[in-house]
Amino acid sequence: MVYEGKRLVSCHCFFLLTAKFYWILTLMQRTHGQEYAHSIRLDGDIILGGLFPVHAKGDRGVACGELKKEKGIHRLEAMLYAVDQINKDPDLLANITLGVRILDTCSRDTYALEQSLTFVQALIEKDGSDVKCANGDPPIFTKPDKISGVIGAAASSVSIMVANILRLFKIPQISYASTAPELSDNTRYDYFSRVVPPDSYQAQAMVDIVTALGWNYVSTLASEGNYGESGVEAFTQISREIGGVCIAQSLKIPREPRPGEFEKIIKRLLETPNARAVIMFANEDDIRRILEAAKKANQSGHFLWIGSDSWGSKISPVQQQEEIAEGAVTILPKRTSIDGFDRYFRSRTLANNRRNVWFAEFWEENFGCKLGSHGKRNSNIKKCTGLERIARDSAYEQEGKVQFVIDAVYSMAYALHNMHKDLCPGYIGLCPRMSTTDGKELLSYIRAVNFNGSAGTPVVFNENGDAPGRYDIFQYQITNKSTEYKVIGQWSNQLHLNMYIQTTTLTISMSLSASVSLGMLYMPKVYIIIFHPEQNVQKRKRSFKAVVTAATMQSKLTQKGNDRPNGEVKTELCESLETNTSSTKTTYVSYSNQAN
């Protein structure tokens, strides 16, 4: 098979290939016919690949499902925005233009693998002597784009699959969202880096939250796959090392759940009623369906959810089930909304954004209209006028990983810039030494970058390609029938809980003065004993030490009648753990957690 421009040309050829690449080229042949129709391609001196979940997984054998407006379109537009900014910057990669080749992963690892083979075509040598066409003519090979580095992917399972192929061809990869601890293994994923911290940090932060709140009996819940299982495994390992936290149950949500699966999980969790705290490393859809099942079981106020960054501050998992989610404590890598991207994205229209091949589909979804006879929506829906405007005629809120997409692109740009300074001193444009980018050399420059990112915080990588752990801690609160995710603390190698926490539907109702940093919640007793500091020692093997001090305050406490404390019963899993059940006095404390 031969490809000339955008036109598919075929000849019956017999390829004499090594076994190493036969399967790769077989998959390439399956994807070539659609690659241009399903990718964004911008020319440049240096081409960066991009992998984004533009669509969800398809059902019943269909590769791709519905459009993902935020996770897909916002994020890929963030890459285009960053490339535009870099190409306009006279001081960064001067006289060198970045181009892109952006592909849709359809939120599926196997589909993403097929798509990403587009990135390695230029690196597979095609020896004409090994190819014979039926008519005897020599084959015609159209040289594909040489991809210097890849931005992505989003899901850890996708990044793992793609990283395995990119490392064979020494193509560096920077993810903006993949957090599985497995990807920190520099012996297996040596060309992988990420601008988000791995879940091992997140798991440590979640253990610190559980310990600070005095919970010693919890359950864990994971979505099947690298993200969920690795996150729970890290939480379990750290909690064992620290001591004092018992895992009542560790449940897994199947990759393809059967009808009634989530209702069964809620029933299982209720088998250990005193383990009210549930640590969740689950994908967004699984979180939503778990909350739905808890609502059906009429369990409002029973479960104390601790959600990982896949929950974060998202609206979709809690929509129409706010009461079940109320009080949930969630975690999210520290981030900032990028004003420049907001201005850019709000100005996108059908007329000025033709480079995005999925933008027309986004337009239909975003404005609930249909674009002529070729539109994807049914004929009963109103026609789009083209005069609609984002944020004026539709809701708009910047997707949470936009900052990290921008930082990933800039990381690649700064690495290329520094590489150019060393290899092409005083040279305008690309010198011969950089006409073909050496992936191994570029990787060393990526790992050495150090710059202030789009949020003003330093962007750096450790020896494993991981970003440092910096998180915001949220609580989902309902006040006067309005809901919000309120920031209640931060974690950066140590926990700082320093905001008022709502407890109206949990075990304690309180009113605190403004000077209080944190009111202890959720339980009728406090594990930490203020007046016996010798007992205020955490069983850690790491350099995290919580210093607990009483806060000066005026408080009015109202104990709820239906009081279900967390962690009062021993089980076979916790025979060596003494649960603290004797105290019934509620004390409010502030936390100033400091490293040794």
Foldseek 3Di string as FASTA:
>chain_A
DADDPLDDDDFDKDFDDDPVCPVLVVLQVVCSNCQVLFKFKDDWLAEEEEEFQQFAQDPDPDGGDHGDLARGVLQVVLLVVLQVVQQPDCVFQHLTHYIYIYGHCNNDQVSLQSNLSLQCPQVDDDDQVRMATPVRDTDDYDRHDHHQAYEDDAEQSNCLSNLQVCVVSLHAYEYLHYAQPVLLPCVRRVRYFYQAFHLLQVLVQLLQVCVQLQFAEAEEEAEPDRQGVRNVVSNVVQCVQQDRHFYPYYYYAYPDHDPPRLLVVVVVVVVCQQNQEYEYRYALVSLLVNLVSCVVVVPQQRHAYEYEQNPPFDDVSCPPRLRNQAFHKYKHFDDDDQVVSVVVVQPDFPVPPVSPSCVQVSVCVFQVAADPPPGPDDPVTHHDPRPDTPVPRGPDDRHGSSQRSSQRSVLLSQLVRVVCCVPPPPDNYDDPVPSPPRSVSSSVSSQPDWDQGSRRHIRHADSSNGHFGKMFMWGWHADPNDIGTHGQWIDGPATFGFHEGQAVSAFKHKDKDPQGGYFNDRAQDGPADAVCVVPQFTRHPDQKTKDKHATDIDMDIDGDPPHSHHFDDDDPSRPVHDRDDPDRHGGTIGIDIDGD
